Protein backbone atom coordinates (compact mmCIF):
# COMPACT_ATOMS: atom_id res chain seq x y z
CA MET A 1 -69.39 -31.07 -67.02
CA LEU A 2 -66.04 -32.71 -66.88
CA GLN A 3 -64.06 -29.82 -68.38
CA GLY A 4 -66.38 -26.85 -68.04
CA LYS A 5 -69.27 -25.19 -66.34
CA GLY A 6 -72.80 -24.19 -67.26
CA SER A 7 -75.57 -22.06 -65.87
CA SER A 8 -78.36 -23.62 -63.86
CA PHE A 9 -82.04 -23.35 -64.64
CA PHE A 10 -85.37 -24.26 -63.12
CA ASP A 11 -88.98 -24.57 -64.20
CA TYR A 12 -92.17 -23.67 -62.38
CA GLY A 13 -95.83 -24.00 -63.20
CA LEU A 14 -99.38 -23.53 -62.04
CA SER A 15 -102.60 -25.31 -62.97
CA VAL A 16 -106.24 -24.80 -62.06
CA ASN A 17 -109.02 -27.40 -62.51
CA LYS A 18 -112.77 -27.05 -62.08
CA SER A 19 -115.56 -29.60 -62.59
CA PHE A 20 -119.18 -28.85 -63.51
CA LEU A 21 -122.38 -30.75 -64.28
CA LYS A 22 -121.98 -33.48 -61.64
CA LYS A 23 -118.29 -33.86 -62.50
CA ARG A 24 -118.98 -34.64 -66.18
CA LEU A 25 -117.50 -31.42 -67.56
CA SER A 26 -113.97 -30.44 -66.54
CA LEU A 27 -112.10 -27.25 -67.39
CA SER A 28 -108.36 -26.89 -66.82
CA ALA A 29 -105.89 -24.07 -67.38
CA PHE A 30 -102.14 -24.15 -66.91
CA ALA A 31 -99.15 -21.86 -67.23
CA SER A 32 -95.45 -22.53 -66.77
CA ASN A 33 -92.47 -20.18 -66.62
CA PHE A 34 -94.80 -17.20 -66.91
CA PHE A 35 -92.65 -14.58 -65.13
CA LYS A 36 -89.88 -14.53 -67.72
CA LYS A 37 -90.39 -14.82 -71.48
CA TYR A 38 -86.90 -16.11 -72.31
CA MET A 39 -84.43 -18.30 -70.48
CA ASN A 40 -80.71 -17.70 -70.96
CA ASN A 41 -78.22 -20.53 -70.79
CA THR A 42 -74.46 -20.08 -70.93
CA SER A 43 -71.75 -22.69 -70.83
CA THR A 44 -67.96 -22.65 -70.93
CA LEU A 45 -65.79 -25.56 -71.95
CA GLU A 46 -62.04 -25.34 -71.37
CA GLY A 47 -59.25 -27.69 -72.22
CA THR A 48 -55.59 -27.69 -73.13
CA GLY A 49 -55.20 -25.07 -75.83
CA PHE A 50 -58.90 -24.19 -76.31
CA THR A 51 -61.85 -22.42 -74.74
CA GLN A 52 -65.43 -22.72 -75.99
CA GLU A 53 -68.25 -20.47 -74.84
CA SER A 54 -71.87 -20.76 -75.88
CA TRP A 55 -74.95 -18.67 -75.16
CA ASN A 56 -78.49 -19.85 -75.75
CA LYS A 57 -81.73 -17.91 -75.44
CA TYR A 58 -84.98 -19.84 -75.71
CA SER A 59 -88.61 -19.52 -74.75
CA ARG A 60 -89.85 -21.78 -71.97
CA GLN A 61 -93.25 -20.14 -71.44
CA ARG A 62 -96.22 -22.44 -71.85
CA PHE A 63 -99.91 -21.64 -71.55
CA GLY A 64 -102.86 -23.94 -72.19
CA VAL A 65 -106.51 -24.73 -71.66
CA SER A 66 -108.28 -28.07 -71.82
CA VAL A 67 -111.93 -29.08 -71.78
CA SER A 68 -113.16 -32.64 -71.23
CA TYR A 69 -116.64 -34.12 -71.05
CA ARG A 70 -117.38 -37.60 -69.70
CA ILE A 71 -120.06 -39.48 -71.65
CA GLY A 72 -121.87 -42.42 -70.05
CA GLU A 73 -121.03 -44.23 -66.86
CA LEU A 74 -118.88 -47.17 -65.94
CA LYS A 75 -121.10 -49.90 -64.51
CA ALA A 76 -118.79 -52.80 -63.95
CA SER A 77 -119.39 -55.45 -61.34
CA VAL A 78 -117.35 -58.43 -60.29
CA LYS A 79 -119.19 -61.72 -60.42
CA LYS A 80 -118.61 -64.28 -57.70
CA ALA A 81 -117.40 -67.67 -58.89
CA ALA A 82 -120.14 -70.30 -58.94
CA ARG A 83 -117.82 -73.11 -57.83
CA THR A 84 -115.35 -73.30 -54.99
CA ILE A 85 -112.20 -75.35 -54.63
CA SER A 86 -112.27 -78.08 -52.04
CA ASN A 87 -108.80 -78.78 -50.71
CA ASP A 88 -109.40 -82.29 -49.30
CA ASP A 89 -105.91 -83.67 -49.89
CA VAL A 90 -104.77 -82.14 -46.59
CA LYS A 91 -106.36 -84.00 -43.71
CA SER A 92 -106.20 -82.97 -40.10
CA GLY A 93 -105.58 -85.37 -37.26
CA GLY A 94 -103.55 -88.57 -37.22
CA GLY A 95 -99.94 -88.76 -36.22
CA GLU A 96 -98.48 -89.77 -39.53
CA GLY A 97 -96.98 -86.48 -40.62
CA GLY A 98 -93.82 -86.37 -42.68
CA GLY A 99 -91.93 -84.21 -40.21
CA GLY A 100 -88.40 -85.03 -41.31
CA GLY A 101 -86.77 -83.75 -38.10
CA ALA A 102 -84.02 -85.31 -35.96
CA GLU A 103 -84.82 -88.64 -34.26
């Protein structure tokens, strides 16, 4: 802050994933900020003739579970082009190049 100061904070988390049934079924669980239920944030703003202080208390805990199941398979293949490009405008040999260097 230009005229004040505030408290610092940080977040942390943990997630666990497990696949079953030939990697078709996936289970995931996550948790973040699980050691402390509430986060406290304080800030002070000072200027000529005034002082402002604020206190905030908020929940940052998050917990969750997810389940996913993959249906079907991806069977994509890249086809090779039937035609090729023949670059016959560039010929090798001969001494008639357009070098453009010093004589």
